[in-house]
Amino acid sequence: MDAKSPKDLHFYEPRNGHGLKHDPFNAIVAPRPIGWISSRDAKGNINLAPYSFFNGFCYVPPIIGFSSTSWKDTVQNVKETGEFVWNLATKDLAQHMNATAAHVAHDVSEFTIAGLTAVPGRLVNVPRVAESPVAFECKVTQIIQLQGANGEKANAWVTFGEVVAVHIDKAMIRDGVYQTGLARPIVRAGRKGDYFEIKQEDMFEMIRPD
């Protein structure tokens, strides 16, 4: 890498538009893990939806979070009940996951639409996706509305949850170590529908210089 070589840069200020065919923001911050979130409202209606702004944020306690770019059913549900489940989206489940992104009535279960099996949680009253090899049962810790540098509120809310129970298919564990590539998780890659698949053969290791 030669930092001295000048680069022909495309520069823009987001508030003035990006000037490209597609907004590059979510393609640059990529790949991103998928927050495939199941939830239940106070009346018992079940929801399952994917969120591309998702990640893990803390070891102790283990905390994950997802951002919704509007006040959707999932956010309303977790606000009402204080619980949700994250399900790992894999290559085998890609089409099922995509089906759960459909806009349907609040009382319609995406589990049914996508042909998935809802299994009751152990510590939360929210089902997990039986077909998914990994699931985190979570208790909500915070729901925060985002805001810009000028203090103006954004139409986006981040939900954080503490992982209180973990389900892992034992086929994904070798010699006591969870093998990320064996599950073939899919990750978001930008535009309206680009994804990557994580494969075992594409992984490499670097020892940290601690």
Protein backbone atom coordinates (compact mmCIF):
# COMPACT_ATOMS: atom_id res chain seq x y z
CA MET A 1 0.00 0.00 0.00
CA ASP A 2 1.44 3.33 -1.05
CA ALA A 3 -0.13 6.20 0.92
CA LYS A 4 1.86 8.73 -1.11
CA SER A 5 0.14 7.85 -4.39
CA PRO A 6 -2.73 10.26 -5.06
CA LYS A 7 -6.18 8.72 -5.36
CA ASP A 8 -8.97 9.93 -7.60
CA LEU A 9 -11.59 10.34 -4.86
CA HIS A 10 -15.34 10.65 -5.13
CA PHE A 11 -16.19 13.15 -2.37
CA TYR A 12 -19.63 14.17 -1.17
CA GLU A 13 -21.48 15.51 1.85
CA PRO A 14 -24.43 13.20 2.62
CA ARG A 15 -26.78 16.10 3.32
CA ASN A 16 -26.32 17.22 -0.32
CA GLY A 17 -26.75 13.77 -1.88
CA HIS A 18 -24.21 11.15 -2.95
CA GLY A 19 -24.37 11.65 -6.74
CA LEU A 20 -24.23 7.93 -7.49
CA LYS A 21 -26.76 5.41 -8.81
CA HIS A 22 -27.11 3.81 -5.35
CA ASP A 23 -26.34 5.20 -1.91
CA PRO A 24 -22.90 3.67 -1.13
CA PHE A 25 -23.20 3.97 2.67
CA ASN A 26 -24.63 0.53 3.42
CA ALA A 27 -22.38 -1.08 0.79
CA ILE A 28 -19.25 0.43 2.35
CA VAL A 29 -20.19 -0.54 5.90
CA ALA A 30 -20.34 -4.16 4.81
CA PRO A 31 -20.72 -6.97 5.14
CA ARG A 32 -23.08 -6.60 8.10
CA PRO A 33 -24.58 -9.46 10.11
CA ILE A 34 -28.34 -9.79 9.87
CA GLY A 35 -30.57 -9.17 12.86
CA TRP A 36 -33.29 -11.77 12.23
CA ILE A 37 -35.51 -10.80 15.12
CA SER A 38 -38.53 -12.65 16.45
CA SER A 39 -40.82 -10.86 18.87
CA ARG A 40 -44.26 -11.02 20.46
CA ASP A 41 -46.63 -8.19 21.33
CA ALA A 42 -48.62 -7.84 24.55
CA LYS A 43 -51.62 -9.55 22.90
CA GLY A 44 -49.59 -12.58 21.81
CA ASN A 45 -49.11 -11.79 18.11
CA ILE A 46 -45.78 -13.11 16.81
CA ASN A 47 -43.47 -11.23 14.44
CA LEU A 48 -40.28 -12.22 12.60
CA ALA A 49 -38.28 -9.68 10.59
CA PRO A 50 -34.71 -9.12 9.33
CA TYR A 51 -32.66 -6.00 10.16
CA SER A 52 -29.42 -5.21 8.35
CA PHE A 53 -28.18 -2.77 11.00
CA PHE A 54 -27.24 -5.32 13.65
CA ASN A 55 -24.23 -6.35 15.72
CA GLY A 56 -22.80 -7.44 19.07
CA PHE A 57 -21.61 -4.75 21.47
CA CYS A 58 -20.50 -6.21 24.80
CA TYR A 59 -19.08 -9.43 26.30
CA VAL A 60 -20.15 -9.02 29.94
CA PRO A 61 -23.05 -8.94 29.94
CA PRO A 62 -23.43 -10.15 26.34
CA ILE A 63 -25.37 -7.42 24.53
CA ILE A 64 -26.58 -7.28 20.94
CA GLY A 65 -28.45 -4.52 19.17
CA PHE A 66 -30.39 -3.77 16.01
CA SER A 67 -31.57 -0.52 14.46
CA SER A 68 -34.96 0.00 12.84
CA THR A 69 -35.19 2.84 10.33
CA SER A 70 -38.79 3.50 11.39
CA TRP A 71 -41.03 2.54 14.31
CA LYS A 72 -41.93 -0.94 13.03
CA ASP A 73 -43.85 -3.83 14.59
CA THR A 74 -40.68 -5.34 16.05
CA VAL A 75 -39.78 -2.19 17.98
CA GLN A 76 -43.34 -1.80 19.25
CA ASN A 77 -43.39 -5.46 20.32
CA VAL A 78 -40.14 -5.35 22.26
CA LYS A 79 -41.21 -2.11 23.91
CA GLU A 80 -44.42 -3.80 25.07
CA THR A 81 -42.89 -7.07 26.29
CA GLY A 82 -39.19 -6.31 26.89
CA GLU A 83 -38.08 -9.47 25.09
CA PHE A 84 -36.91 -10.70 21.69
CA VAL A 85 -34.93 -13.50 20.04
CA TRP A 86 -32.15 -13.18 17.48
CA ASN A 87 -31.94 -16.04 14.96
CA LEU A 88 -28.90 -16.72 12.76
CA ALA A 89 -29.68 -16.30 9.04
CA THR A 90 -27.81 -18.88 6.96
CA LYS A 91 -27.47 -19.67 3.25
CA ASP A 92 -29.93 -22.55 3.62
CA LEU A 93 -32.47 -20.16 5.17
CA ALA A 94 -31.82 -17.17 2.90
CA GLN A 95 -35.09 -17.36 0.97
CA HIS A 96 -37.05 -17.94 4.17
CA MET A 97 -35.38 -14.93 5.76
CA ASN A 98 -36.15 -12.80 2.71
CA ALA A 99 -39.82 -13.84 2.87
CA THR A 100 -40.07 -12.47 6.41
CA ALA A 101 -39.23 -8.98 5.10
CA ALA A 102 -42.71 -8.76 3.55
CA HIS A 103 -45.03 -5.99 4.77
CA VAL A 104 -48.02 -7.79 6.26
CA ALA A 105 -50.75 -7.03 8.79
CA HIS A 106 -49.67 -6.85 12.43
CA ASP A 107 -51.58 -10.00 13.37
CA VAL A 108 -50.06 -12.09 10.54
CA SER A 109 -47.12 -14.27 11.58
CA GLU A 110 -44.09 -14.22 9.29
CA PHE A 111 -43.24 -17.69 10.62
CA THR A 112 -46.29 -18.96 8.73
CA ILE A 113 -45.57 -16.93 5.59
CA ALA A 114 -41.99 -18.21 5.39
CA GLY A 115 -42.82 -21.82 6.29
CA LEU A 116 -40.74 -21.74 9.47
CA THR A 117 -41.23 -23.50 12.80
CA ALA A 118 -41.71 -21.41 15.93
CA VAL A 119 -40.21 -23.05 19.03
CA PRO A 120 -41.02 -21.54 22.46
CA GLY A 121 -38.18 -19.78 24.24
CA ARG A 122 -36.73 -21.20 27.45
CA LEU A 123 -36.30 -17.92 29.37
CA VAL A 124 -38.36 -15.49 27.28
CA ASN A 125 -41.94 -15.69 26.02
CA VAL A 126 -40.83 -15.31 22.39
CA PRO A 127 -40.29 -18.19 19.93
CA ARG A 128 -37.08 -18.89 18.06
CA VAL A 129 -36.72 -20.22 14.50
CA ALA A 130 -36.30 -23.99 14.88
CA GLU A 131 -34.53 -24.28 11.51
CA SER A 132 -31.82 -21.78 12.49
CA PRO A 133 -28.63 -23.30 13.98
CA VAL A 134 -28.14 -20.50 16.51
CA ALA A 135 -30.53 -18.34 18.53
CA PHE A 136 -30.10 -15.78 21.32
CA GLU A 137 -32.93 -15.19 23.77
CA CYS A 138 -32.74 -11.56 24.87
CA LYS A 139 -34.10 -9.17 27.49
CA VAL A 140 -34.34 -5.55 26.35
CA THR A 141 -31.93 -3.18 28.06
CA GLN A 142 -32.44 0.05 26.08
CA ILE A 143 -34.41 1.48 23.18
CA ILE A 144 -32.76 4.66 21.94
CA GLN A 145 -33.93 7.06 19.25
CA LEU A 146 -30.96 8.17 17.17
CA GLN A 147 -30.19 11.80 16.45
CA GLY A 148 -27.91 13.79 14.18
CA ALA A 149 -24.94 15.95 15.15
CA ASN A 150 -27.30 18.93 15.27
CA GLY A 151 -29.49 17.20 17.84
CA GLU A 152 -32.34 16.60 15.41
CA LYS A 153 -34.11 13.29 16.04
CA ALA A 154 -33.76 10.65 13.31
CA ASN A 155 -36.55 8.30 12.27
CA ALA A 156 -34.55 5.37 13.64
CA TRP A 157 -34.44 3.45 16.91
CA VAL A 158 -31.72 1.14 18.24
CA THR A 159 -32.85 -1.71 20.48
CA PHE A 160 -30.25 -3.27 22.77
CA GLY A 161 -30.80 -6.59 24.49
CA GLU A 162 -28.90 -8.73 26.96
CA VAL A 163 -28.47 -12.32 25.79
CA VAL A 164 -29.88 -14.47 28.60
CA ALA A 165 -29.97 -17.83 26.78
CA VAL A 166 -28.13 -19.31 23.79
CA HIS A 167 -29.12 -22.21 21.51
CA ILE A 168 -26.40 -23.74 19.27
CA ASP A 169 -26.71 -26.73 16.96
CA LYS A 170 -23.97 -29.08 18.22
CA ALA A 171 -23.05 -29.82 14.59
CA MET A 172 -21.54 -26.31 14.53
CA ILE A 173 -19.13 -27.12 17.40
CA ARG A 174 -15.80 -28.91 16.81
CA ASP A 175 -13.39 -29.68 19.65
CA GLY A 176 -15.24 -27.28 21.92
CA VAL A 177 -15.04 -24.37 19.45
CA TYR A 178 -17.97 -22.88 17.53
CA GLN A 179 -17.12 -22.95 13.82
CA THR A 180 -18.53 -19.81 12.18
CA GLY A 181 -18.11 -21.04 8.60
CA LEU A 182 -19.92 -24.35 9.13
CA ALA A 183 -23.22 -22.54 9.63
CA ARG A 184 -22.73 -20.65 6.33
CA PRO A 185 -24.18 -17.39 7.69
CA ILE A 186 -25.24 -14.75 5.21
CA VAL A 187 -24.41 -11.08 5.65
CA ARG A 188 -25.75 -7.90 4.11
CA ALA A 189 -23.67 -6.27 1.38
CA GLY A 190 -25.54 -3.13 0.35
CA ARG A 191 -27.91 -1.90 -2.35
CA LYS A 192 -31.44 -3.34 -2.15
CA GLY A 193 -30.63 -7.02 -2.13
CA ASP A 194 -26.91 -7.87 -2.10
CA TYR A 195 -25.61 -10.54 0.29
CA PHE A 196 -22.44 -12.50 0.96
CA GLU A 197 -22.12 -16.05 2.26
CA ILE A 198 -19.42 -16.79 4.84
CA LYS A 199 -17.65 -20.02 4.01
CA GLN A 200 -15.13 -22.02 6.03
CA GLU A 201 -12.58 -21.96 3.18
CA ASP A 202 -12.67 -18.16 2.97
CA MET A 203 -11.65 -17.61 6.59
CA PHE A 204 -8.12 -16.81 7.73
CA GLU A 205 -6.48 -16.25 11.11
CA MET A 206 -4.25 -13.45 12.40
CA ILE A 207 -2.70 -13.54 15.88
CA ARG A 208 -3.29 -10.28 17.74
CA PRO A 209 -0.09 -8.45 18.83
CA ASP A 210 -1.02 -8.33 22.55
